[in-house]
PDB file of N, CA and C in Angstrom:
ATOM      1  N   MET A   1      63.879  74.506  94.249  1.00  0.00           N
ATOM      2  CA  MET A   1      62.589  74.972  93.930  1.00  0.00           C
ATOM      3  C   MET A   1      62.485  76.425  94.330  1.00  0.00           C
ATOM      4  N   ASN A   2      63.058  76.817  95.483  1.00  0.00           N
ATOM      5  CA  ASN A   2      63.064  78.178  95.965  1.00  0.00           C
ATOM      6  C   ASN A   2      63.822  79.092  95.016  1.00  0.00           C
ATOM      7  N   ALA A   3      64.924  78.633  94.501  1.00  0.00           N
ATOM      8  CA  ALA A   3      65.742  79.353  93.562  1.00  0.00           C
ATOM      9  C   ALA A   3      64.953  79.669  92.284  1.00  0.00           C
ATOM     10  N   LEU A   4      64.270  78.664  91.814  1.00  0.00           N
ATOM     11  CA  LEU A   4      63.444  78.853  90.526  1.00  0.00           C
ATOM     12  C   LEU A   4      62.312  79.874  90.791  1.00  0.00           C
ATOM     13  N   LEU A   5      61.725  79.808  91.962  1.00  0.00           N
ATOM     14  CA  LEU A   5      60.625  80.729  92.276  1.00  0.00           C
ATOM     15  C   LEU A   5      61.186  82.077  92.411  1.00  0.00           C
ATOM     16  N   SER A   6      62.324  82.311  93.040  1.00  0.00           N
ATOM     17  CA  SER A   6      62.903  83.623  93.249  1.00  0.00           C
ATOM     18  C   SER A   6      63.374  84.185  91.892  1.00  0.00           C
ATOM     19  N   LEU A   7      63.888  83.394  91.042  1.00  0.00           N
ATOM     20  CA  LEU A   7      64.298  83.809  89.716  1.00  0.00           C
ATOM     21  C   LEU A   7      63.079  84.234  88.920  1.00  0.00           C
ATOM     22  N   SER A   8      62.054  83.532  88.918  1.00  0.00           N
ATOM     23  CA  SER A   8      60.867  83.912  88.179  1.00  0.00           C
ATOM     24  C   SER A   8      60.223  85.216  88.694  1.00  0.00           C
ATOM     25  N   LEU A   9      60.191  85.370  90.047  1.00  0.00           N
ATOM     26  CA  LEU A   9      59.687  86.624  90.638  1.00  0.00           C
ATOM     27  C   LEU A   9      60.626  87.789  90.228  1.00  0.00           C
ATOM     28  N   ALA A  10      61.851  87.639  90.259  1.00  0.00           N
ATOM     29  CA  ALA A  10      62.799  88.692  89.900  1.00  0.00           C
ATOM     30  C   ALA A  10      62.648  89.140  88.436  1.00  0.00           C
ATOM     31  N   LEU A  11      62.504  88.106  87.582  1.00  0.00           N
ATOM     32  CA  LEU A  11      62.315  88.465  86.134  1.00  0.00           C
ATOM     33  C   LEU A  11      60.966  89.166  85.952  1.00  0.00           C
ATOM     34  N   ASN A  12      59.942  88.733  86.684  1.00  0.00           N
ATOM     35  CA  ASN A  12      58.669  89.345  86.543  1.00  0.00           C
ATOM     36  C   ASN A  12      58.700  90.739  87.020  1.00  0.00           C
ATOM     37  N   PHE A  13      59.425  91.005  88.113  1.00  0.00           N
ATOM     38  CA  PHE A  13      59.526  92.389  88.639  1.00  0.00           C
ATOM     39  C   PHE A  13      60.325  93.270  87.613  1.00  0.00           C
ATOM     40  N   LEU A  14      61.381  92.740  87.082  1.00  0.00           N
ATOM     41  CA  LEU A  14      62.201  93.551  86.160  1.00  0.00           C
ATOM     42  C   LEU A  14      61.410  93.794  84.869  1.00  0.00           C
ATOM     43  N   ALA A  15      60.559  92.923  84.491  1.00  0.00           N
ATOM     44  CA  ALA A  15      59.789  93.116  83.234  1.00  0.00           C
ATOM     45  C   ALA A  15      58.725  94.142  83.436  1.00  0.00           C
ATOM     46  N   GLN A  16      58.335  94.485  84.629  1.00  0.00           N
ATOM     47  CA  GLN A  16      57.300  95.465  84.898  1.00  0.00           C
ATOM     48  C   GLN A  16      57.815  96.864  85.118  1.00  0.00           C
ATOM     49  N   GLN A  17      59.126  97.032  85.201  1.00  0.00           N
ATOM     50  CA  GLN A  17      59.693  98.342  85.390  1.00  0.00           C
ATOM     51  C   GLN A  17      59.399  99.263  84.244  1.00  0.00           C
ATOM     52  N   PRO A  18      59.089 100.564  84.492  1.00  0.00           N
ATOM     53  CA  PRO A  18      58.862 101.449  83.392  1.00  0.00           C
ATOM     54  C   PRO A  18      60.186 101.864  82.732  1.00  0.00           C
ATOM     55  N   ASP A  19      60.091 102.381  81.478  1.00  0.00           N
ATOM     56  CA  ASP A  19      61.312 102.747  80.815  1.00  0.00           C
ATOM     57  C   ASP A  19      62.017 103.926  81.429  1.00  0.00           C
ATOM     58  N   SER A  20      61.311 104.845  82.042  1.00  0.00           N
ATOM     59  CA  SER A  20      61.955 105.996  82.698  1.00  0.00           C
ATOM     60  C   SER A  20      61.409 106.137  84.090  1.00  0.00           C
ATOM     61  N   VAL A  21      62.283 106.759  84.946  1.00  0.00           N
ATOM     62  CA  VAL A  21      61.857 106.993  86.306  1.00  0.00           C
ATOM     63  C   VAL A  21      61.196 108.367  86.402  1.00  0.00           C
ATOM     64  N   GLU A  22      59.912 108.372  86.721  1.00  0.00           N
ATOM     65  CA  GLU A  22      59.199 109.645  86.771  1.00  0.00           C
ATOM     66  C   GLU A  22      59.728 110.630  87.752  1.00  0.00           C
ATOM     67  N   MET A  23      60.104 110.115  88.950  1.00  0.00           N
ATOM     68  CA  MET A  23      60.610 111.038  89.927  1.00  0.00           C
ATOM     69  C   MET A  23      61.913 111.736  89.488  1.00  0.00           C
ATOM     70  N   ALA A  24      62.794 110.989  88.845  1.00  0.00           N
ATOM     71  CA  ALA A  24      64.067 111.603  88.360  1.00  0.00           C
ATOM     72  C   ALA A  24      63.750 112.622  87.274  1.00  0.00           C
ATOM     73  N   ASP A  25      62.861 112.267  86.362  1.00  0.00           N
ATOM     74  CA  ASP A  25      62.462 113.166  85.261  1.00  0.00           C
ATOM     75  C   ASP A  25      61.855 114.469  85.860  1.00  0.00           C
ATOM     76  N   GLN A  26      61.018 114.347  86.934  1.00  0.00           N
ATOM     77  CA  GLN A  26      60.443 115.571  87.481  1.00  0.00           C
ATOM     78  C   GLN A  26      61.496 116.389  88.169  1.00  0.00           C
ATOM     79  N   LEU A  27      62.453 115.745  88.869  1.00  0.00           N
ATOM     80  CA  LEU A  27      63.555 116.470  89.511  1.00  0.00           C
ATOM     81  C   LEU A  27      64.332 117.242  88.492  1.00  0.00           C
ATOM     82  N   ARG A  28      64.668 116.605  87.341  1.00  0.00           N
ATOM     83  CA  ARG A  28      65.368 117.262  86.283  1.00  0.00           C
ATOM     84  C   ARG A  28      64.641 118.442  85.723  1.00  0.00           C
ATOM     85  N   ALA A  29      63.340 118.227  85.564  1.00  0.00           N
ATOM     86  CA  ALA A  29      62.464 119.300  84.946  1.00  0.00           C
ATOM     87  C   ALA A  29      62.392 120.457  85.882  1.00  0.00           C
ATOM     88  N   ASP A  30      62.298 120.306  87.154  1.00  0.00           N
ATOM     89  CA  ASP A  30      62.252 121.381  88.122  1.00  0.00           C
ATOM     90  C   ASP A  30      63.611 121.992  88.474  1.00  0.00           C
ATOM     91  N   GLY A  31      64.690 121.346  88.059  1.00  0.00           N
ATOM     92  CA  GLY A  31      66.012 121.824  88.356  1.00  0.00           C
ATOM     93  C   GLY A  31      66.447 121.451  89.811  1.00  0.00           C
ATOM     94  N   LYS A  32      65.630 120.581  90.437  1.00  0.00           N
ATOM     95  CA  LYS A  32      66.040 120.177  91.794  1.00  0.00           C
ATOM     96  C   LYS A  32      67.001 119.035  91.811  1.00  0.00           C
ATOM     97  N   ILE A  33      67.351 118.510  90.689  1.00  0.00           N
ATOM     98  CA  ILE A  33      68.340 117.387  90.642  1.00  0.00           C
ATOM     99  C   ILE A  33      69.660 117.843  91.166  1.00  0.00           C
ATOM    100  N   TRP A  34      69.915 119.120  91.040  1.00  0.00           N
ATOM    101  CA  TRP A  34      71.263 119.655  91.488  1.00  0.00           C
ATOM    102  C   TRP A  34      71.256 119.714  93.023  1.00  0.00           C
ATOM    103  N   VAL A  35      70.164 119.827  93.658  1.00  0.00           N
ATOM    104  CA  VAL A  35      70.028 119.745  95.081  1.00  0.00           C
ATOM    105  C   VAL A  35      70.425 118.374  95.571  1.00  0.00           C
ATOM    106  N   VAL A  36      69.897 117.388  94.882  1.00  0.00           N
ATOM    107  CA  VAL A  36      70.197 115.964  95.167  1.00  0.00           C
ATOM    108  C   VAL A  36      71.713 115.697  94.989  1.00  0.00           C
ATOM    109  N   VAL A  37      72.228 116.166  93.895  1.00  0.00           N
ATOM    110  CA  VAL A  37      73.684 115.970  93.580  1.00  0.00           C
ATOM    111  C   VAL A  37      74.530 116.661  94.671  1.00  0.00           C
ATOM    112  N   LEU A  38      74.112 117.866  95.092  1.00  0.00           N
ATOM    113  CA  LEU A  38      74.853 118.609  96.114  1.00  0.00           C
ATOM    114  C   LEU A  38      74.854 117.860  97.394  1.00  0.00           C
ATOM    115  N   VAL A  39      73.686 117.327  97.812  1.00  0.00           N
ATOM    116  CA  VAL A  39      73.618 116.623  99.087  1.00  0.00           C
ATOM    117  C   VAL A  39      74.431 115.369  99.009  1.00  0.00           C
ATOM    118  N   ILE A  40      74.465 114.671  97.964  1.00  0.00           N
ATOM    119  CA  ILE A  40      75.282 113.447  97.811  1.00  0.00           C
ATOM    120  C   ILE A  40      76.767 113.851  97.870  1.00  0.00           C
ATOM    121  N   ALA A  41      77.059 114.923  97.230  1.00  0.00           N
ATOM    122  CA  ALA A  41      78.476 115.355  97.217  1.00  0.00           C
ATOM    123  C   ALA A  41      79.021 115.784  98.606  1.00  0.00           C
ATOM    124  N   VAL A  42      78.082 116.438  99.360  1.00  0.00           N
ATOM    125  CA  VAL A  42      78.395 116.816 100.721  1.00  0.00           C
ATOM    126  C   VAL A  42      78.622 115.638 101.678  1.00  0.00           C
ATOM    127  N   VAL A  43      77.765 114.692 101.531  1.00  0.00           N
ATOM    128  CA  VAL A  43      77.854 113.440 102.353  1.00  0.00           C
ATOM    129  C   VAL A  43      79.099 112.721 102.001  1.00  0.00           C
ATOM    130  N   PHE A  44      79.436 112.645 100.733  1.00  0.00           N
ATOM    131  CA  PHE A  44      80.642 111.948 100.311  1.00  0.00           C
ATOM    132  C   PHE A  44      81.908 112.665 100.802  1.00  0.00           C
ATOM    133  N   ALA A  45      81.892 113.997 100.692  1.00  0.00           N
ATOM    134  CA  ALA A  45      83.035 114.807 101.211  1.00  0.00           C
ATOM    135  C   ALA A  45      83.226 114.621 102.719  1.00  0.00           C
ATOM    136  N   GLY A  46      82.040 114.527 103.452  1.00  0.00           N
ATOM    137  CA  GLY A  46      82.124 114.302 104.894  1.00  0.00           C
ATOM    138  C   GLY A  46      82.706 112.966 105.235  1.00  0.00           C
ATOM    139  N   ILE A  47      82.315 111.973 104.506  1.00  0.00           N
ATOM    140  CA  ILE A  47      82.878 110.621 104.713  1.00  0.00           C
ATOM    141  C   ILE A  47      84.454 110.592 104.429  1.00  0.00           C
ATOM    142  N   VAL A  48      84.834 111.214 103.366  1.00  0.00           N
ATOM    143  CA  VAL A  48      86.262 111.298 103.010  1.00  0.00           C
ATOM    144  C   VAL A  48      87.020 112.034 104.024  1.00  0.00           C
ATOM    145  N   ALA A  49      86.470 113.216 104.559  1.00  0.00           N
ATOM    146  CA  ALA A  49      87.131 113.927 105.603  1.00  0.00           C
ATOM    147  C   ALA A  49      87.270 113.141 106.840  1.00  0.00           C
ATOM    148  N   TYR A  50      86.227 112.415 107.231  1.00  0.00           N
ATOM    149  CA  TYR A  50      86.203 111.559 108.369  1.00  0.00           C
ATOM    150  C   TYR A  50      87.305 110.496 108.332  1.00  0.00           C
ATOM    151  N   LEU A  51      87.434 109.891 107.167  1.00  0.00           N
ATOM    152  CA  LEU A  51      88.411 108.790 106.977  1.00  0.00           C
ATOM    153  C   LEU A  51      89.851 109.402 107.051  1.00  0.00           C
ATOM    154  N   ILE A  52      90.078 110.537 106.464  1.00  0.00           N
ATOM    155  CA  ILE A  52      91.389 111.161 106.542  1.00  0.00           C
ATOM    156  C   ILE A  52      91.735 111.503 108.035  1.00  0.00           C
ATOM    157  N   ARG A  53      90.817 112.069 108.722  1.00  0.00           N
ATOM    158  CA  ARG A  53      91.042 112.342 110.113  1.00  0.00           C
ATOM    159  C   ARG A  53      91.329 111.101 110.938  1.00  0.00           C
ATOM    160  N   LEU A  54      90.586 110.091 110.685  1.00  0.00           N
ATOM    161  CA  LEU A  54      90.770 108.792 111.387  1.00  0.00           C
ATOM    162  C   LEU A  54      92.097 108.221 111.111  1.00  0.00           C
ATOM    163  N   ASP A  55      92.574 108.265 109.809  1.00  0.00           N
ATOM    164  CA  ASP A  55      93.822 107.783 109.475  1.00  0.00           C
ATOM    165  C   ASP A  55      94.968 108.525 110.169  1.00  0.00           C
ATOM    166  N   ARG A  56      94.838 109.843 110.306  1.00  0.00           N
ATOM    167  CA  ARG A  56      95.892 110.653 110.967  1.00  0.00           C
ATOM    168  C   ARG A  56      95.912 110.275 112.479  1.00  0.00           C
ATOM    169  N   GLN A  57      94.750 110.093 113.059  1.00  0.00           N
ATOM    170  CA  GLN A  57      94.735 109.691 114.508  1.00  0.00           C
ATOM    171  C   GLN A  57      95.373 108.308 114.680  1.00  0.00           C
ATOM    172  N   LEU A  58      95.058 107.456 113.777  1.00  0.00           N
ATOM    173  CA  LEU A  58      95.674 106.054 113.929  1.00  0.00           C
ATOM    174  C   LEU A  58      97.174 106.100 113.723  1.00  0.00           C
ATOM    175  N   SER A  59      97.639 106.918 112.787  1.00  0.00           N
ATOM    176  CA  SER A  59      99.077 107.068 112.533  1.00  0.00           C
ATOM    177  C   SER A  59      99.769 107.587 113.836  1.00  0.00           C
ATOM    178  N   LYS A  60      99.123 108.503 114.523  1.00  0.00           N
ATOM    179  CA  LYS A  60      99.673 109.103 115.718  1.00  0.00           C
ATOM    180  C   LYS A  60      99.757 108.090 116.822  1.00  0.00           C
ATOM    181  N   VAL A  61      98.663 107.279 116.979  1.00  0.00           N
ATOM    182  CA  VAL A  61      98.692 106.254 117.988  1.00  0.00           C
ATOM    183  C   VAL A  61      99.739 105.158 117.639  1.00  0.00           C
ATOM    184  N   GLU A  62      99.869 104.794 116.394  1.00  0.00           N
ATOM    185  CA  GLU A  62     100.905 103.818 115.977  1.00  0.00           C
ATOM    186  C   GLU A  62     102.278 104.303 116.334  1.00  0.00           C
ATOM    187  N   LYS A  63     102.582 105.572 116.095  1.00  0.00           N
ATOM    188  CA  LYS A  63     103.915 106.184 116.418  1.00  0.00           C
ATOM    189  C   LYS A  63     104.177 106.098 117.893  1.00  0.00           C
ATOM    190  N   GLU A  64     103.092 106.458 118.735  1.00  0.00           N
ATOM    191  CA  GLU A  64     103.248 106.352 120.177  1.00  0.00           C
ATOM    192  C   GLU A  64     103.510 104.957 120.639  1.00  0.00           C
ATOM    193  N   VAL A  65     102.825 103.945 120.075  1.00  0.00           N
ATOM    194  CA  VAL A  65     103.060 102.608 120.524  1.00  0.00           C
ATOM    195  C   VAL A  65     104.409 102.092 120.071  1.00  0.00           C
ATOM    196  N   ASN A  66     104.848 102.421 118.888  1.00  0.00           N
ATOM    197  CA  ASN A  66     106.163 102.048 118.378  1.00  0.00           C
ATOM    198  C   ASN A  66     107.223 102.701 119.229  1.00  0.00           C
ATOM    199  N   SER A  67     107.040 103.940 119.615  1.00  0.00           N
ATOM    200  CA  SER A  67     108.092 104.631 120.432  1.00  0.00           C
ATOM    201  C   SER A  67     108.139 103.959 121.810  1.00  0.00           C
ATOM    202  N   LYS A  68     107.069 103.649 122.439  1.00  0.00           N
ATOM    203  CA  LYS A  68     106.999 102.966 123.742  1.00  0.00           C
ATOM    204  C   LYS A  68     107.631 101.555 123.690  1.00  0.00           C
ATOM    205  N   LEU A  69     107.397 100.854 122.551  1.00  0.00           N
ATOM    206  CA  LEU A  69     108.030  99.545 122.356  1.00  0.00           C
ATOM    207  C   LEU A  69     109.534  99.666 122.211  1.00  0.00           C
ATOM    208  N   SER A  70     109.976 100.679 121.498  1.00  0.00           N
ATOM    209  CA  SER A  70     111.432 100.847 121.309  1.00  0.00           C
ATOM    210  C   SER A  70     112.043 101.289 122.602  1.00  0.00           C
ATOM    211  N   ASP A  71     111.411 102.121 123.377  1.00  0.00           N
ATOM    212  CA  ASP A  71     111.887 102.508 124.694  1.00  0.00           C
ATOM    213  C   ASP A  71     112.017 101.316 125.629  1.00  0.00           C
ATOM    214  N   LYS A  72     111.095 100.400 125.611  1.00  0.00           N
ATOM    215  CA  LYS A  72     111.182  99.189 126.450  1.00  0.00           C
ATOM    216  C   LYS A  72     112.408  98.358 126.011  1.00  0.00           C
ATOM    217  N   LYS A  73     112.607  98.209 124.728  1.00  0.00           N
ATOM    218  CA  LYS A  73     113.696  97.415 124.245  1.00  0.00           C
ATOM    219  C   LYS A  73     115.035  97.992 124.633  1.00  0.00           C
ATOM    220  N   THR A  74     115.165  99.317 124.590  1.00  0.00           N
ATOM    221  CA  THR A  74     116.432  99.952 124.956  1.00  0.00           C
ATOM    222  C   THR A  74     116.725  99.924 126.429  1.00  0.00           C
ATOM    223  N   LEU A  75     115.673  99.953 127.263  1.00  0.00           N
ATOM    224  CA  LEU A  75     115.815  99.850 128.683  1.00  0.00           C
ATOM    225  C   LEU A  75     116.154  98.504 129.190  1.00  0.00           C
ATOM    226  N   ASN A  76     115.594  97.473 128.541  1.00  0.00           N
ATOM    227  CA  ASN A  76     115.828  96.069 128.918  1.00  0.00           C
ATOM    228  C   ASN A  76     116.073  95.267 127.725  1.00  0.00           C
ATOM    229  N   PRO A  77     117.297  95.277 127.181  1.00  0.00           N
ATOM    230  CA  PRO A  77     117.577  94.495 125.923  1.00  0.00           C
ATOM    231  C   PRO A  77     117.502  93.049 126.136  1.00  0.00           C
ATOM    232  N   SER A  78     117.744  92.504 127.346  1.00  0.00           N
ATOM    233  CA  SER A  78     117.675  91.040 127.582  1.00  0.00           C
ATOM    234  C   SER A  78     116.246  90.544 127.508  1.00  0.00           C
ATOM    235  N   ALA A  79     115.259  91.346 127.747  1.00  0.00           N
ATOM    236  CA  ALA A  79     113.890  90.918 127.740  1.00  0.00           C
ATOM    237  C   ALA A  79     113.459  90.654 126.287  1.00  0.00           C
ATOM    238  N   GLY A  80     113.985  91.337 125.374  1.00  0.00           N
ATOM    239  CA  GLY A  80     113.627  91.097 123.936  1.00  0.00           C
ATOM    240  C   GLY A  80     114.199  89.722 123.506  1.00  0.00           C
ATOM    241  N   ALA A  81     115.426  89.344 123.955  1.00  0.00           N
ATOM    242  CA  ALA A  81     116.016  88.093 123.602  1.00  0.00           C
ATOM    243  C   ALA A  81     115.399  86.937 124.322  1.00  0.00           C
ATOM    244  N   ALA A  82     114.891  87.196 125.536  1.00  0.00           N
ATOM    245  CA  ALA A  82     114.300  86.142 126.298  1.00  0.00           C
ATOM    246  C   ALA A  82     112.951  85.706 125.723  1.00  0.00           C
ATOM    247  N   GLY A  83     112.299  86.673 125.047  1.00  0.00           N
ATOM    248  CA  GLY A  83     110.963  86.342 124.524  1.00  0.00           C
ATOM    249  C   GLY A  83     111.008  85.509 123.203  1.00  0.00           C
ATOM    250  N   ARG A  84     112.220  85.283 122.683  1.00  0.00           N
ATOM    251  CA  ARG A  84     112.366  84.532 121.438  1.00  0.00           C
ATOM    252  C   ARG A  84     112.388  83.115 121.658  1.00  0.00           C
TER     253      ARG A  84
END
């Protein structure tokens, strides 16, 4: 019953939507749409830069952990066999 009610409300809402978005049309007419595009591009570039930086930091930590593990195995080779 809830699903049918939700579906009917969603269809009613979609049927009432105007054909064009007035705010977007006004932004295009004023030339301010490029400000919106620029802000979105800057935010996206910031997220990409953050992810690249984070990946480099994680790679550095992984290398440190792997080198410490390999140092432990070379110092005590019997400990690696005992753990199996």
